[in-house]
């Protein structure tokens, strides 16, 4: 049977029987044997499937079955103050659910923190690289190029004013040339 995939029907049967056994206080070993016989698998395979996969999948039902077992045992031995014990069992059920949610939140927060730590390391590394490039860069060449650009701009202003002053005579010369040309 090694390597054979588990069907949903097999998983459901195993879940149902194991939860029933837990609630009734029966041996899980016997349950694994019984279910294994019915679905043509070993008791070990059934136990492994339950412990490694199904138990996590139906954890709230698993806790509920355990509480039923406690309730049944308490009823069986007729313990005094049964109502207060049931109140405690119910309170424990709610605490268990709250703990489960908190564990999940802690897990999620740890995962998120790890991602943010990785991103922070990436940014710190990038910052170091940029600082190294900044320190290596020769800013004197930028300053000299800036000064050159200022001089070019100054020369352009002068050239523009010269062109403006000669604009009229050039247009007059062109008009005169049109008149003088033989048609």
N, C-alpha and C. Protein backbone atom coordinates (compact mmCIF):
# COMPACT_ATOMS: atom_id res chain seq x y z
N UNK A 1 0.81 -1.20 0.00
CA UNK A 1 0.00 0.00 0.00
C UNK A 1 0.85 1.27 0.00
N UNK A 2 2.16 1.15 0.13
CA UNK A 2 3.02 2.30 0.23
C UNK A 2 2.87 3.19 -1.01
N UNK A 3 2.65 4.50 -0.75
CA UNK A 3 2.55 5.42 -1.86
C UNK A 3 1.14 5.65 -2.37
N UNK A 4 0.17 4.90 -1.91
CA UNK A 4 -1.20 5.06 -2.38
C UNK A 4 -1.80 6.31 -1.72
N UNK A 5 -2.40 7.16 -2.53
CA UNK A 5 -3.00 8.40 -2.02
C UNK A 5 -4.25 8.09 -1.19
N UNK A 6 -4.49 8.95 -0.24
CA UNK A 6 -5.68 8.81 0.60
C UNK A 6 -6.85 9.52 -0.06
N UNK A 7 -7.98 8.87 -0.10
CA UNK A 7 -9.17 9.51 -0.67
C UNK A 7 -9.89 10.27 0.44
N UNK A 8 -10.77 11.16 0.02
CA UNK A 8 -11.56 11.93 0.99
C UNK A 8 -12.44 10.99 1.81
N UNK A 9 -12.95 9.93 1.17
CA UNK A 9 -13.81 8.97 1.85
C UNK A 9 -13.02 8.26 2.97
N UNK A 10 -11.78 7.87 2.67
CA UNK A 10 -10.94 7.21 3.67
C UNK A 10 -10.60 8.16 4.82
N UNK A 11 -10.27 9.40 4.46
CA UNK A 11 -9.96 10.40 5.49
C UNK A 11 -11.16 10.62 6.41
N UNK A 12 -12.33 10.76 5.81
CA UNK A 12 -13.55 11.00 6.60
C UNK A 12 -13.86 9.83 7.52
N UNK A 13 -13.72 8.61 7.03
CA UNK A 13 -13.98 7.43 7.86
C UNK A 13 -12.99 7.40 9.03
N UNK A 14 -11.72 7.64 8.74
CA UNK A 14 -10.70 7.63 9.79
C UNK A 14 -10.99 8.72 10.82
N UNK A 15 -11.30 9.93 10.37
CA UNK A 15 -11.62 11.03 11.29
C UNK A 15 -12.79 10.67 12.18
N UNK A 16 -13.86 10.20 11.53
CA UNK A 16 -15.10 9.88 12.25
C UNK A 16 -14.84 8.84 13.35
N UNK A 17 -14.17 7.76 12.98
CA UNK A 17 -13.93 6.66 13.93
C UNK A 17 -12.97 7.08 15.05
N UNK A 18 -11.93 7.84 14.72
CA UNK A 18 -10.98 8.27 15.74
C UNK A 18 -11.63 9.23 16.72
N UNK A 19 -12.39 10.20 16.22
CA UNK A 19 -13.07 11.15 17.11
C UNK A 19 -14.09 10.44 18.00
N UNK A 20 -14.77 9.46 17.43
CA UNK A 20 -15.73 8.66 18.19
C UNK A 20 -15.00 7.89 19.29
N UNK A 21 -13.87 7.30 18.96
CA UNK A 21 -13.10 6.53 19.94
C UNK A 21 -12.59 7.41 21.06
N UNK A 22 -12.11 8.60 20.71
CA UNK A 22 -11.61 9.52 21.73
C UNK A 22 -12.73 9.91 22.67
N UNK A 23 -13.89 10.25 22.10
CA UNK A 23 -15.03 10.67 22.92
C UNK A 23 -15.49 9.54 23.85
N UNK A 24 -15.40 8.29 23.39
CA UNK A 24 -15.86 7.15 24.19
C UNK A 24 -14.76 6.54 25.06
N UNK A 25 -13.55 7.07 24.93
CA UNK A 25 -12.45 6.58 25.76
C UNK A 25 -11.87 5.25 25.29
N UNK A 26 -12.07 4.91 24.03
CA UNK A 26 -11.52 3.67 23.47
C UNK A 26 -10.08 3.86 23.05
N UNK A 27 -9.39 2.77 22.86
CA UNK A 27 -7.99 2.78 22.45
C UNK A 27 -7.87 3.18 20.98
N UNK A 28 -6.97 4.13 20.72
CA UNK A 28 -6.76 4.55 19.33
C UNK A 28 -6.07 3.46 18.52
N UNK A 29 -5.25 2.69 19.18
CA UNK A 29 -4.56 1.59 18.49
C UNK A 29 -5.58 0.63 17.89
N UNK A 30 -6.60 0.28 18.69
CA UNK A 30 -7.66 -0.62 18.20
C UNK A 30 -8.45 0.03 17.07
N UNK A 31 -8.69 1.33 17.20
CA UNK A 31 -9.43 2.05 16.16
C UNK A 31 -8.65 2.07 14.85
N UNK A 32 -7.35 2.32 14.93
CA UNK A 32 -6.52 2.32 13.73
C UNK A 32 -6.54 0.94 13.06
N UNK A 33 -6.51 -0.10 13.89
CA UNK A 33 -6.56 -1.47 13.36
C UNK A 33 -7.88 -1.70 12.62
N UNK A 34 -8.98 -1.32 13.29
CA UNK A 34 -10.32 -1.53 12.74
C UNK A 34 -10.50 -0.78 11.41
N UNK A 35 -10.13 0.52 11.41
CA UNK A 35 -10.28 1.33 10.20
C UNK A 35 -9.34 0.82 9.11
N UNK A 36 -8.14 0.46 9.48
CA UNK A 36 -7.18 -0.07 8.52
C UNK A 36 -7.70 -1.31 7.83
N UNK A 37 -8.34 -2.18 8.58
CA UNK A 37 -8.91 -3.40 8.01
C UNK A 37 -10.00 -3.04 6.99
N UNK A 38 -10.84 -2.05 7.33
CA UNK A 38 -11.96 -1.67 6.46
C UNK A 38 -11.50 -1.01 5.16
N UNK A 39 -10.39 -0.28 5.22
CA UNK A 39 -9.95 0.44 4.00
C UNK A 39 -8.70 -0.17 3.38
N UNK A 40 -8.32 -1.35 3.87
CA UNK A 40 -7.19 -2.10 3.33
C UNK A 40 -5.86 -1.33 3.47
N UNK A 41 -5.62 -0.86 4.71
CA UNK A 41 -4.36 -0.18 5.05
C UNK A 41 -3.89 -0.71 6.40
N UNK A 42 -2.64 -0.46 6.73
CA UNK A 42 -2.13 -0.93 8.02
C UNK A 42 -2.56 0.02 9.12
N UNK A 43 -2.55 -0.49 10.35
CA UNK A 43 -2.87 0.34 11.51
C UNK A 43 -1.84 1.46 11.62
N UNK A 44 -0.58 1.15 11.31
CA UNK A 44 0.48 2.16 11.35
C UNK A 44 0.22 3.29 10.36
N UNK A 45 -0.24 2.95 9.16
CA UNK A 45 -0.54 3.97 8.14
C UNK A 45 -1.68 4.87 8.62
N UNK A 46 -2.68 4.24 9.23
CA UNK A 46 -3.82 5.01 9.75
C UNK A 46 -3.37 5.93 10.88
N UNK A 47 -2.55 5.41 11.77
CA UNK A 47 -2.05 6.23 12.88
C UNK A 47 -1.21 7.40 12.37
N UNK A 48 -0.38 7.11 11.39
CA UNK A 48 0.46 8.17 10.83
C UNK A 48 -0.40 9.23 10.15
N UNK A 49 -1.39 8.80 9.39
CA UNK A 49 -2.27 9.75 8.70
C UNK A 49 -3.00 10.63 9.70
N UNK A 50 -3.49 10.02 10.78
CA UNK A 50 -4.20 10.78 11.81
C UNK A 50 -3.27 11.80 12.46
N UNK A 51 -2.12 11.34 12.93
CA UNK A 51 -1.23 12.22 13.70
C UNK A 51 -0.54 13.28 12.85
N UNK A 52 -0.23 12.97 11.61
CA UNK A 52 0.52 13.93 10.81
C UNK A 52 -0.37 14.88 10.01
N UNK A 53 -1.61 14.54 9.79
CA UNK A 53 -2.42 15.37 8.90
C UNK A 53 -3.81 15.68 9.45
N UNK A 54 -4.58 14.63 9.72
CA UNK A 54 -6.00 14.82 10.04
C UNK A 54 -6.23 15.51 11.39
N UNK A 55 -5.40 15.20 12.37
CA UNK A 55 -5.57 15.78 13.70
C UNK A 55 -5.45 17.31 13.64
N UNK A 56 -4.49 17.79 12.84
CA UNK A 56 -4.31 19.23 12.68
C UNK A 56 -5.48 19.84 11.93
N UNK A 57 -5.98 19.10 10.99
CA UNK A 57 -7.06 19.58 10.14
C UNK A 57 -8.36 19.77 10.93
N UNK A 58 -8.59 18.90 11.89
CA UNK A 58 -9.85 18.99 12.65
C UNK A 58 -9.56 19.15 14.14
N UNK A 59 -8.64 20.04 14.46
CA UNK A 59 -8.22 20.24 15.85
C UNK A 59 -9.37 20.62 16.78
N UNK A 60 -10.28 21.54 16.39
CA UNK A 60 -11.40 21.87 17.28
C UNK A 60 -12.28 20.64 17.58
N UNK A 61 -12.53 19.79 16.58
CA UNK A 61 -13.33 18.58 16.80
C UNK A 61 -12.58 17.61 17.72
N UNK A 62 -11.28 17.56 17.57
CA UNK A 62 -10.44 16.71 18.42
C UNK A 62 -10.55 17.15 19.89
N UNK A 63 -10.46 18.46 20.13
CA UNK A 63 -10.60 18.98 21.50
C UNK A 63 -11.99 18.70 22.06
N UNK A 64 -12.99 18.83 21.21
CA UNK A 64 -14.36 18.58 21.64
C UNK A 64 -14.54 17.11 22.04
N UNK A 65 -13.97 16.21 21.27
CA UNK A 65 -14.06 14.77 21.58
C UNK A 65 -13.36 14.47 22.90
N UNK A 66 -12.23 15.11 23.15
CA UNK A 66 -11.53 14.92 24.42
C UNK A 66 -12.37 15.41 25.59
N UNK A 67 -13.06 16.54 25.39
CA UNK A 67 -13.92 17.07 26.45
C UNK A 67 -15.11 16.13 26.70
N UNK A 68 -15.65 15.54 25.64
CA UNK A 68 -16.74 14.57 25.81
C UNK A 68 -16.27 13.38 26.62
N UNK A 69 -15.01 12.93 26.36
CA UNK A 69 -14.47 11.81 27.11
C UNK A 69 -14.39 12.16 28.60
N UNK A 70 -13.91 13.37 28.91
CA UNK A 70 -13.83 13.81 30.31
C UNK A 70 -15.22 13.85 30.92
N UNK A 71 -16.17 14.40 30.18
CA UNK A 71 -17.55 14.47 30.65
C UNK A 71 -18.09 13.07 30.94
N UNK A 72 -17.85 12.15 30.03
CA UNK A 72 -18.33 10.77 30.20
C UNK A 72 -17.69 10.14 31.43
N UNK A 73 -16.40 10.33 31.61
CA UNK A 73 -15.72 9.75 32.76
C UNK A 73 -16.21 10.38 34.06
N UNK A 74 -16.45 11.68 34.04
CA UNK A 74 -16.96 12.33 35.25
C UNK A 74 -18.35 11.79 35.59
N UNK A 75 -19.16 11.64 34.58
CA UNK A 75 -20.50 11.12 34.78
C UNK A 75 -20.44 9.68 35.30
N UNK A 76 -19.54 8.92 34.75
CA UNK A 76 -19.38 7.52 35.12
C UNK A 76 -19.01 7.37 36.60
N UNK A 77 -18.12 8.24 37.07
CA UNK A 77 -17.67 8.14 38.45
C UNK A 77 -18.49 9.01 39.40
N UNK A 78 -19.53 9.66 38.86
CA UNK A 78 -20.47 10.46 39.64
C UNK A 78 -19.75 11.43 40.58
N UNK A 79 -18.96 12.26 40.00
CA UNK A 79 -18.21 13.23 40.79
C UNK A 79 -19.15 14.31 41.28
N UNK A 80 -18.96 14.73 42.54
CA UNK A 80 -19.78 15.79 43.13
C UNK A 80 -19.46 17.10 42.45
N UNK A 81 -20.37 18.04 42.60
CA UNK A 81 -20.23 19.37 41.99
C UNK A 81 -20.02 19.27 40.48
N UNK A 82 -20.78 18.40 39.89
CA UNK A 82 -20.65 18.14 38.46
C UNK A 82 -20.90 19.41 37.64
N UNK A 83 -21.87 20.23 38.07
CA UNK A 83 -22.20 21.45 37.33
C UNK A 83 -21.00 22.40 37.28
N UNK A 84 -20.33 22.56 38.41
CA UNK A 84 -19.19 23.49 38.41
C UNK A 84 -18.05 22.92 37.56
N UNK A 85 -17.92 21.61 37.54
CA UNK A 85 -16.89 20.99 36.70
C UNK A 85 -17.24 21.21 35.23
N UNK A 86 -18.52 21.08 34.89
CA UNK A 86 -18.94 21.32 33.50
C UNK A 86 -18.70 22.79 33.12
N UNK A 87 -18.95 23.69 34.09
CA UNK A 87 -18.69 25.10 33.84
C UNK A 87 -17.20 25.30 33.53
N UNK A 88 -16.35 24.65 34.31
CA UNK A 88 -14.90 24.74 34.09
C UNK A 88 -14.51 24.14 32.74
N UNK A 89 -15.13 23.00 32.42
CA UNK A 89 -14.82 22.35 31.14
C UNK A 89 -15.20 23.27 29.98
N UNK A 90 -16.35 23.91 30.11
CA UNK A 90 -16.79 24.85 29.07
C UNK A 90 -15.85 26.04 28.99
N UNK A 91 -15.43 26.55 30.16
CA UNK A 91 -14.50 27.67 30.18
C UNK A 91 -13.17 27.26 29.54
N UNK A 92 -12.73 26.04 29.85
CA UNK A 92 -11.49 25.55 29.25
C UNK A 92 -11.61 25.43 27.73
N UNK A 93 -12.79 25.06 27.28
CA UNK A 93 -13.02 24.96 25.84
C UNK A 93 -12.80 26.33 25.18
N UNK A 94 -13.37 27.36 25.80
CA UNK A 94 -13.23 28.71 25.25
C UNK A 94 -11.79 29.20 25.35
N UNK A 95 -11.13 28.86 26.44
CA UNK A 95 -9.72 29.23 26.59
C UNK A 95 -8.89 28.53 25.53
N UNK A 96 -9.20 27.26 25.28
CA UNK A 96 -8.49 26.51 24.25
C UNK A 96 -8.64 27.16 22.88
N UNK A 97 -9.87 27.58 22.56
CA UNK A 97 -10.10 28.24 21.27
C UNK A 97 -9.33 29.55 21.19
N UNK A 98 -9.34 30.30 22.29
CA UNK A 98 -8.63 31.58 22.31
C UNK A 98 -7.13 31.35 22.17
N UNK A 99 -6.61 30.32 22.82
CA UNK A 99 -5.18 30.00 22.71
C UNK A 99 -4.82 29.62 21.29
N UNK A 100 -5.69 28.86 20.66
CA UNK A 100 -5.45 28.45 19.27
C UNK A 100 -5.37 29.68 18.37
N UNK A 101 -6.32 30.60 18.55
CA UNK A 101 -6.32 31.82 17.74
C UNK A 101 -5.06 32.65 18.01
N UNK A 102 -4.68 32.76 19.29
CA UNK A 102 -3.49 33.53 19.64
C UNK A 102 -2.23 32.90 19.06
N UNK A 103 -2.15 31.57 19.11
CA UNK A 103 -0.99 30.90 18.52
C UNK A 103 -0.90 31.19 17.03
N UNK A 104 -2.05 31.16 16.37
CA UNK A 104 -2.08 31.45 14.94
C UNK A 104 -1.64 32.88 14.68
N UNK A 105 -2.12 33.83 15.50
CA UNK A 105 -1.73 35.22 15.34
C UNK A 105 -0.23 35.40 15.57
N UNK A 106 0.30 34.73 16.60
CA UNK A 106 1.73 34.81 16.88
C UNK A 106 2.52 34.27 15.70
N UNK A 107 2.07 33.14 15.16
CA UNK A 107 2.74 32.55 14.01
C UNK A 107 2.73 33.52 12.83
N UNK A 108 1.56 34.11 12.56
CA UNK A 108 1.44 35.06 11.46
C UNK A 108 2.34 36.28 11.68
N UNK A 109 2.37 36.79 12.92
CA UNK A 109 3.20 37.95 13.23
C UNK A 109 4.69 37.63 13.08
N UNK A 110 5.07 36.42 13.50
CA UNK A 110 6.47 36.01 13.35
C UNK A 110 6.84 35.96 11.87
N UNK A 111 5.95 35.40 11.08
CA UNK A 111 6.18 35.29 9.64
C UNK A 111 6.33 36.68 9.02
N UNK A 112 5.43 37.59 9.41
CA UNK A 112 5.47 38.95 8.89
C UNK A 112 6.75 39.67 9.35
N UNK A 113 7.14 39.45 10.60
CA UNK A 113 8.36 40.08 11.13
C UNK A 113 9.58 39.57 10.38
N UNK A 114 9.61 38.27 10.08
CA UNK A 114 10.74 37.71 9.33
C UNK A 114 10.85 38.35 7.95
N UNK A 115 9.70 38.52 7.28
CA UNK A 115 9.70 39.14 5.96
C UNK A 115 10.21 40.59 6.05
N UNK A 116 9.75 41.30 7.09
CA UNK A 116 10.17 42.69 7.23
C UNK A 116 11.64 42.78 7.60
N UNK A 117 12.13 41.84 8.40
CA UNK A 117 13.57 41.80 8.72
C UNK A 117 14.39 41.59 7.46
N UNK A 118 13.95 40.68 6.61
CA UNK A 118 14.66 40.43 5.35
C UNK A 118 14.69 41.70 4.49
N UNK A 119 13.55 42.38 4.42
CA UNK A 119 13.46 43.60 3.62
C UNK A 119 14.36 44.69 4.22
N UNK A 120 14.38 44.78 5.56
CA UNK A 120 15.23 45.76 6.23
C UNK A 120 16.70 45.48 5.93
N UNK A 121 17.10 44.22 5.98
CA UNK A 121 18.49 43.86 5.65
C UNK A 121 18.82 44.25 4.21
N UNK A 122 17.87 44.00 3.32
CA UNK A 122 18.06 44.38 1.92
C UNK A 122 18.27 45.89 1.79
N UNK A 123 17.41 46.66 2.48
CA UNK A 123 17.52 48.12 2.41
C UNK A 123 18.83 48.62 3.03
N UNK A 124 19.23 48.02 4.14
CA UNK A 124 20.49 48.42 4.77
C UNK A 124 21.67 48.13 3.86
N UNK A 125 21.64 46.99 3.20
CA UNK A 125 22.69 46.63 2.26
C UNK A 125 22.73 47.63 1.09
N UNK A 126 21.58 47.94 0.58
CA UNK A 126 21.50 48.89 -0.53
C UNK A 126 22.01 50.27 -0.10
N UNK A 127 21.68 50.67 1.12
CA UNK A 127 22.14 51.95 1.66
C UNK A 127 23.67 51.98 1.72
N UNK A 128 24.26 50.88 2.21
CA UNK A 128 25.73 50.80 2.28
C UNK A 128 26.35 50.97 0.90
N UNK A 129 25.77 50.27 -0.08
CA UNK A 129 26.29 50.35 -1.45
C UNK A 129 26.19 51.77 -2.00
N UNK A 130 25.05 52.42 -1.75
CA UNK A 130 24.87 53.79 -2.25
C UNK A 130 25.81 54.76 -1.56
N UNK A 131 26.04 54.59 -0.26
CA UNK A 131 26.97 55.45 0.46
C UNK A 131 28.39 55.27 -0.08
N UNK A 132 28.76 54.03 -0.36
CA UNK A 132 30.10 53.76 -0.92
C UNK A 132 30.25 54.45 -2.27
N UNK A 133 29.22 54.36 -3.12
CA UNK A 133 29.26 55.02 -4.42
C UNK A 133 29.33 56.55 -4.27
N UNK A 134 28.59 57.06 -3.27
CA UNK A 134 28.58 58.51 -3.02
C UNK A 134 29.97 58.98 -2.60
N UNK A 135 30.62 58.23 -1.74
CA UNK A 135 31.95 58.61 -1.27
C UNK A 135 32.99 58.53 -2.40
N UNK A 136 32.82 57.60 -3.32
CA UNK A 136 33.75 57.42 -4.43
C UNK A 136 33.57 58.48 -5.52
N UNK A 137 32.39 59.06 -5.59
CA UNK A 137 32.08 59.96 -6.70
C UNK A 137 32.86 61.27 -6.58
N UNK A 138 33.33 61.78 -7.74
CA UNK A 138 34.10 63.02 -7.80
C UNK A 138 33.16 64.17 -8.12
N UNK A 139 32.81 64.94 -7.08
CA UNK A 139 31.87 66.04 -7.26
C UNK A 139 32.53 67.27 -7.88
N UNK A 140 33.85 67.32 -7.91
CA UNK A 140 34.53 68.49 -8.51
C UNK A 140 34.24 68.56 -10.00
N UNK A 141 34.10 67.40 -10.66
CA UNK A 141 33.78 67.42 -12.09
C UNK A 141 32.39 67.99 -12.32
N UNK A 142 31.46 67.72 -11.44
CA UNK A 142 30.11 68.28 -11.57
C UNK A 142 30.17 69.80 -11.40
N UNK A 143 30.97 70.25 -10.43
CA UNK A 143 31.07 71.69 -10.17
C UNK A 143 31.66 72.40 -11.39
N UNK A 144 32.69 71.80 -11.99
CA UNK A 144 33.31 72.44 -13.16
C UNK A 144 32.33 72.44 -14.35
N UNK A 145 31.58 71.37 -14.54
CA UNK A 145 30.59 71.32 -15.62
C UNK A 145 29.47 72.34 -15.38
N UNK A 146 29.11 72.53 -14.12
CA UNK A 146 28.08 73.52 -13.77
C UNK A 146 28.58 74.93 -14.12
N UNK A 147 29.83 75.20 -13.80
CA UNK A 147 30.42 76.50 -14.11
C UNK A 147 30.45 76.71 -15.63
N UNK A 148 30.81 75.66 -16.38
CA UNK A 148 30.81 75.73 -17.85
C UNK A 148 29.41 76.06 -18.37
N UNK A 149 28.41 75.40 -17.81
CA UNK A 149 27.03 75.65 -18.25
C UNK A 149 26.62 77.09 -17.97
N UNK A 150 27.03 77.63 -16.83
CA UNK A 150 26.71 79.03 -16.50
C UNK A 150 27.36 79.98 -17.51
N UNK A 151 28.60 79.69 -17.87
CA UNK A 151 29.30 80.53 -18.86
C UNK A 151 28.62 80.45 -20.22
N UNK A 152 28.21 79.24 -20.62
CA UNK A 152 27.50 79.07 -21.90
C UNK A 152 26.20 79.86 -21.89
N UNK A 153 25.47 79.78 -20.75
CA UNK A 153 24.20 80.51 -20.64
C UNK A 153 24.45 82.01 -20.75
N UNK A 154 25.53 82.50 -20.11
CA UNK A 154 25.86 83.92 -20.17
C UNK A 154 26.16 84.32 -21.62
N UNK A 155 26.94 83.49 -22.34
CA UNK A 155 27.27 83.77 -23.74
C UNK A 155 26.02 83.75 -24.62
N UNK A 156 25.11 82.84 -24.30
CA UNK A 156 23.87 82.77 -25.09
C UNK A 156 23.05 84.05 -24.91
N UNK A 157 23.04 84.60 -23.69
CA UNK A 157 22.32 85.85 -23.46
C UNK A 157 22.94 86.97 -24.29
N UNK A 158 24.27 87.00 -24.30
CA UNK A 158 24.96 88.04 -25.08
C UNK A 158 24.65 87.86 -26.56
N UNK A 159 24.74 86.61 -27.06
CA UNK A 159 24.46 86.35 -28.48
C UNK A 159 23.02 86.71 -28.82
N UNK A 160 22.10 86.44 -27.91
CA UNK A 160 20.69 86.75 -28.16
C UNK A 160 20.49 88.26 -28.26
N UNK A 161 21.18 89.02 -27.40
CA UNK A 161 21.00 90.48 -27.46
C UNK A 161 21.61 91.05 -28.75
N UNK A 162 22.72 90.48 -29.20
CA UNK A 162 23.34 90.93 -30.46
C UNK A 162 22.40 90.65 -31.62
N UNK A 163 21.82 89.47 -31.65
CA UNK A 163 20.89 89.11 -32.73
C UNK A 163 19.69 90.03 -32.69
N UNK A 164 19.21 90.36 -31.52
CA UNK A 164 18.05 91.23 -31.39
C UNK A 164 18.37 92.61 -31.95
N UNK A 165 19.58 93.11 -31.65
CA UNK A 165 19.99 94.43 -32.13
C UNK A 165 20.11 94.45 -33.65
N UNK A 166 20.54 93.35 -34.27
CA UNK A 166 20.71 93.31 -35.72
C UNK A 166 19.49 92.77 -36.44
N UNK A 167 18.46 92.49 -35.74
CA UNK A 167 17.27 91.90 -36.36
C UNK A 167 16.66 92.87 -37.37
N UNK A 168 16.51 94.11 -36.99
CA UNK A 168 15.90 95.10 -37.87
C UNK A 168 16.72 95.30 -39.13
N UNK A 169 18.01 95.58 -39.00
CA UNK A 169 18.78 95.80 -40.23
C UNK A 169 18.77 94.59 -41.15
N UNK A 170 18.79 93.39 -40.66
CA UNK A 170 18.78 92.20 -41.50
C UNK A 170 17.49 92.14 -42.29
N UNK A 171 16.37 92.42 -41.62
CA UNK A 171 15.08 92.39 -42.33
C UNK A 171 15.01 93.50 -43.37
N UNK A 172 15.61 94.63 -43.02
CA UNK A 172 15.63 95.74 -43.98
C UNK A 172 16.50 95.37 -45.19
N UNK A 173 17.64 94.73 -44.95
CA UNK A 173 18.55 94.34 -46.03
C UNK A 173 17.84 93.35 -46.95
N UNK A 174 17.10 92.40 -46.36
CA UNK A 174 16.41 91.40 -47.17
C UNK A 174 15.30 92.08 -48.00
N UNK A 175 14.61 93.04 -47.43
CA UNK A 175 13.55 93.75 -48.15
C UNK A 175 14.16 94.53 -49.32
N UNK A 176 15.30 95.19 -49.06
CA UNK A 176 15.98 95.94 -50.10
C UNK A 176 16.45 95.02 -51.20
N UNK A 177 16.92 93.82 -50.83
CA UNK A 177 17.39 92.86 -51.83
C UNK A 177 16.25 92.40 -52.70
N UNK A 178 15.08 92.27 -52.15
CA UNK A 178 13.90 91.87 -52.95
C UNK A 178 13.56 92.95 -53.98
N UNK A 179 13.67 94.18 -53.53
CA UNK A 179 13.32 95.29 -54.42
C UNK A 179 14.33 95.41 -55.56
N UNK A 180 15.59 95.21 -55.23
CA UNK A 180 16.64 95.35 -56.21
C UNK A 180 16.71 94.22 -57.20
N UNK A 181 16.20 93.09 -56.85
CA UNK A 181 16.33 91.94 -57.73
C UNK A 181 15.43 92.11 -58.94
N UNK A 182 15.97 91.75 -60.12
CA UNK A 182 15.17 91.86 -61.36
C UNK A 182 14.08 90.79 -61.37
N UNK A 183 12.94 91.20 -61.68
CA UNK A 183 11.83 90.25 -61.68
C UNK A 183 11.59 89.68 -63.02
